[in-house]
């Protein structure tokens, strides 16, 4: 096991309040909290986005060159749209609470809320 983390350091953190880590805020119903190594120094190669959206609001199209993404629906509903780079097909994946959508590394994608109070 290799790690760059000094687990003996008093500054090593294993918990963090995600609500105190805002990444983007449009308004009170549409915002994103982020958790990465900057917020929680024991995460290493892991990150988490905590996304809140109202109907019709979108996490704009983007790509992750170095990681896949797993979108988990906690409440509300959304459509996760992917562009398959091998077929050039657009895939629209509706998800509701308890469901996930997997986005492979380096695939363009976006999410759109189809219900108020969507939490991904």
C-alpha atoms as a PDB file:
ATOM      1  CA  UNK A   1       0.000   0.000   0.000  1.00  0.00           C
ATOM      2  CA  UNK A   2       1.460   3.342  -1.047  1.00  0.00           C
ATOM      3  CA  UNK A   3       0.227   6.669   0.196  1.00  0.00           C
ATOM      4  CA  UNK A   4       1.386  10.266   0.394  1.00  0.00           C
ATOM      5  CA  UNK A   5      -0.637  10.792   3.558  1.00  0.00           C
ATOM      6  CA  UNK A   6       1.074  10.998   6.930  1.00  0.00           C
ATOM      7  CA  UNK A   7      -1.441   9.099   9.048  1.00  0.00           C
ATOM      8  CA  UNK A   8       0.578   9.934  12.176  1.00  0.00           C
ATOM      9  CA  UNK A   9       0.091  13.691  11.749  1.00  0.00           C
ATOM     10  CA  UNK A  10      -2.312  15.481  14.104  1.00  0.00           C
ATOM     11  CA  UNK A  11      -3.709  17.307  11.044  1.00  0.00           C
ATOM     12  CA  UNK A  12      -4.946  14.049   9.469  1.00  0.00           C
ATOM     13  CA  UNK A  13      -8.733  14.309   8.996  1.00  0.00           C
ATOM     14  CA  UNK A  14     -11.250  11.527   8.450  1.00  0.00           C
ATOM     15  CA  UNK A  15     -14.460  13.589   8.641  1.00  0.00           C
ATOM     16  CA  UNK A  16     -15.684  16.793   7.040  1.00  0.00           C
ATOM     17  CA  UNK A  17     -18.932  18.785   6.901  1.00  0.00           C
ATOM     18  CA  UNK A  18     -19.841  18.779   3.213  1.00  0.00           C
ATOM     19  CA  UNK A  19     -22.316  21.643   3.799  1.00  0.00           C
ATOM     20  CA  UNK A  20     -19.370  23.957   4.510  1.00  0.00           C
ATOM     21  CA  UNK A  21     -17.692  23.244   1.196  1.00  0.00           C
ATOM     22  CA  UNK A  22     -19.635  25.092  -1.502  1.00  0.00           C
ATOM     23  CA  UNK A  23     -18.312  24.736  -5.049  1.00  0.00           C
ATOM     24  CA  UNK A  24     -21.050  26.578  -6.982  1.00  0.00           C
ATOM     25  CA  UNK A  25     -24.273  28.355  -6.028  1.00  0.00           C
ATOM     26  CA  UNK A  26     -26.895  29.678  -8.444  1.00  0.00           C
ATOM     27  CA  UNK A  27     -29.555  30.145  -5.754  1.00  0.00           C
ATOM     28  CA  UNK A  28     -30.962  28.423  -2.649  1.00  0.00           C
ATOM     29  CA  UNK A  29     -32.313  25.468  -4.684  1.00  0.00           C
ATOM     30  CA  UNK A  30     -29.435  25.035  -7.145  1.00  0.00           C
ATOM     31  CA  UNK A  31     -25.944  24.538  -5.786  1.00  0.00           C
ATOM     32  CA  UNK A  32     -23.059  22.084  -5.607  1.00  0.00           C
ATOM     33  CA  UNK A  33     -20.896  21.176  -2.619  1.00  0.00           C
ATOM     34  CA  UNK A  34     -17.529  19.539  -3.211  1.00  0.00           C
ATOM     35  CA  UNK A  35     -15.310  17.229  -1.228  1.00  0.00           C
ATOM     36  CA  UNK A  36     -11.780  16.475  -2.371  1.00  0.00           C
ATOM     37  CA  UNK A  37      -8.331  16.185  -0.863  1.00  0.00           C
ATOM     38  CA  UNK A  38      -8.279  19.972  -0.265  1.00  0.00           C
ATOM     39  CA  UNK A  39     -11.293  19.641   2.029  1.00  0.00           C
ATOM     40  CA  UNK A  40     -10.507  16.209   3.523  1.00  0.00           C
ATOM     41  CA  UNK A  41      -6.816  15.370   3.434  1.00  0.00           C
ATOM     42  CA  UNK A  42      -7.260  11.569   3.604  1.00  0.00           C
ATOM     43  CA  UNK A  43      -9.268  11.251   0.368  1.00  0.00           C
ATOM     44  CA  UNK A  44      -6.288  10.884  -1.992  1.00  0.00           C
ATOM     45  CA  UNK A  45      -7.775   9.969  -5.424  1.00  0.00           C
ATOM     46  CA  UNK A  46     -11.441  10.277  -4.454  1.00  0.00           C
ATOM     47  CA  UNK A  47     -13.846  13.186  -4.727  1.00  0.00           C
ATOM     48  CA  UNK A  48     -17.541  13.778  -4.130  1.00  0.00           C
ATOM     49  CA  UNK A  49     -20.011  16.277  -5.550  1.00  0.00           C
ATOM     50  CA  UNK A  50     -23.208  16.943  -3.588  1.00  0.00           C
ATOM     51  CA  UNK A  51     -25.608  18.402  -6.170  1.00  0.00           C
ATOM     52  CA  UNK A  52     -28.976  20.093  -5.515  1.00  0.00           C
ATOM     53  CA  UNK A  53     -31.152  21.094  -8.489  1.00  0.00           C
ATOM     54  CA  UNK A  54     -34.691  22.239  -9.238  1.00  0.00           C
ATOM     55  CA  UNK A  55     -36.605  21.187 -12.360  1.00  0.00           C
ATOM     56  CA  UNK A  56     -34.877  22.106 -15.618  1.00  0.00           C
ATOM     57  CA  UNK A  57     -31.577  23.124 -14.049  1.00  0.00           C
ATOM     58  CA  UNK A  58     -28.446  21.574 -15.493  1.00  0.00           C
ATOM     59  CA  UNK A  59     -24.920  20.656 -14.528  1.00  0.00           C
ATOM     60  CA  UNK A  60     -23.404  21.866 -17.798  1.00  0.00           C
ATOM     61  CA  UNK A  61     -21.684  19.469 -20.230  1.00  0.00           C
ATOM     62  CA  UNK A  62     -18.232  18.492 -19.039  1.00  0.00           C
ATOM     63  CA  UNK A  63     -15.651  15.723 -19.174  1.00  0.00           C
ATOM     64  CA  UNK A  64     -13.297  14.105 -16.663  1.00  0.00           C
ATOM     65  CA  UNK A  65     -10.022  13.124 -18.329  1.00  0.00           C
ATOM     66  CA  UNK A  66      -8.650  11.309 -15.271  1.00  0.00           C
ATOM     67  CA  UNK A  67     -11.652   9.628 -13.663  1.00  0.00           C
ATOM     68  CA  UNK A  68     -15.021   8.004 -14.144  1.00  0.00           C
ATOM     69  CA  UNK A  69     -18.073   9.432 -12.375  1.00  0.00           C
ATOM     70  CA  UNK A  70     -20.898   7.706 -10.567  1.00  0.00           C
ATOM     71  CA  UNK A  71     -24.094   9.774 -10.225  1.00  0.00           C
ATOM     72  CA  UNK A  72     -26.348   8.591  -7.381  1.00  0.00           C
ATOM     73  CA  UNK A  73     -29.882   9.984  -7.047  1.00  0.00           C
ATOM     74  CA  UNK A  74     -30.886  10.609  -3.434  1.00  0.00           C
ATOM     75  CA  UNK A  75     -34.161  12.467  -4.100  1.00  0.00           C
ATOM     76  CA  UNK A  76     -36.100  13.923  -7.012  1.00  0.00           C
ATOM     77  CA  UNK A  77     -35.128  12.706 -10.467  1.00  0.00           C
ATOM     78  CA  UNK A  78     -32.730  13.550 -13.258  1.00  0.00           C
ATOM     79  CA  UNK A  79     -31.607  12.568 -16.711  1.00  0.00           C
ATOM     80  CA  UNK A  80     -27.898  11.905 -17.076  1.00  0.00           C
ATOM     81  CA  UNK A  81     -26.881  12.404 -20.699  1.00  0.00           C
ATOM     82  CA  UNK A  82     -23.700  10.841 -22.097  1.00  0.00           C
ATOM     83  CA  UNK A  83     -21.980  11.029 -25.454  1.00  0.00           C
ATOM     84  CA  UNK A  84     -20.580   7.601 -26.326  1.00  0.00           C
ATOM     85  CA  UNK A  85     -17.242   8.411 -28.032  1.00  0.00           C
ATOM     86  CA  UNK A  86     -17.156   5.022 -29.766  1.00  0.00           C
ATOM     87  CA  UNK A  87     -20.560   5.274 -31.465  1.00  0.00           C
ATOM     88  CA  UNK A  88     -21.202   9.050 -31.342  1.00  0.00           C
ATOM     89  CA  UNK A  89     -24.595   8.193 -29.843  1.00  0.00           C
ATOM     90  CA  UNK A  90     -26.265  10.299 -27.168  1.00  0.00           C
ATOM     91  CA  UNK A  91     -27.503   8.220 -24.233  1.00  0.00           C
ATOM     92  CA  UNK A  92     -30.215   9.672 -21.973  1.00  0.00           C
ATOM     93  CA  UNK A  93     -30.289   7.797 -18.668  1.00  0.00           C
ATOM     94  CA  UNK A  94     -33.196   8.700 -16.350  1.00  0.00           C
ATOM     95  CA  UNK A  95     -32.509   8.073 -12.667  1.00  0.00           C
ATOM     96  CA  UNK A  96     -34.667   8.325  -9.543  1.00  0.00           C
ATOM     97  CA  UNK A  97     -33.944   7.778  -5.833  1.00  0.00           C
ATOM     98  CA  UNK A  98     -31.706   4.793  -5.197  1.00  0.00           C
ATOM     99  CA  UNK A  99     -30.530   4.566  -8.807  1.00  0.00           C
ATOM    100  CA  UNK A 100     -27.097   5.349 -10.243  1.00  0.00           C
ATOM    101  CA  UNK A 101     -25.673   6.236 -13.636  1.00  0.00           C
ATOM    102  CA  UNK A 102     -22.055   5.367 -14.425  1.00  0.00           C
ATOM    103  CA  UNK A 103     -20.103   7.751 -16.635  1.00  0.00           C
ATOM    104  CA  UNK A 104     -16.902   6.214 -18.007  1.00  0.00           C
ATOM    105  CA  UNK A 105     -13.687   8.212 -17.903  1.00  0.00           C
ATOM    106  CA  UNK A 106     -13.338  10.812 -20.684  1.00  0.00           C
ATOM    107  CA  UNK A 107     -16.996  10.701 -21.792  1.00  0.00           C
ATOM    108  CA  UNK A 108     -18.796  14.043 -22.231  1.00  0.00           C
ATOM    109  CA  UNK A 109     -21.872  14.231 -20.018  1.00  0.00           C
ATOM    110  CA  UNK A 110     -24.329  16.448 -18.183  1.00  0.00           C
ATOM    111  CA  UNK A 111     -27.200  16.142 -15.715  1.00  0.00           C
ATOM    112  CA  UNK A 112     -30.607  17.828 -15.825  1.00  0.00           C
ATOM    113  CA  UNK A 113     -33.145  17.766 -12.992  1.00  0.00           C
ATOM    114  CA  UNK A 114     -36.608  16.548 -13.937  1.00  0.00           C
ATOM    115  CA  UNK A 115     -38.142  17.259 -10.518  1.00  0.00           C
ATOM    116  CA  UNK A 116     -37.857  19.968  -7.896  1.00  0.00           C
ATOM    117  CA  UNK A 117     -35.750  19.020  -4.896  1.00  0.00           C
ATOM    118  CA  UNK A 118     -33.416  16.801  -6.892  1.00  0.00           C
ATOM    119  CA  UNK A 119     -30.396  15.732  -4.874  1.00  0.00           C
ATOM    120  CA  UNK A 120     -27.599  13.862  -6.627  1.00  0.00           C
END
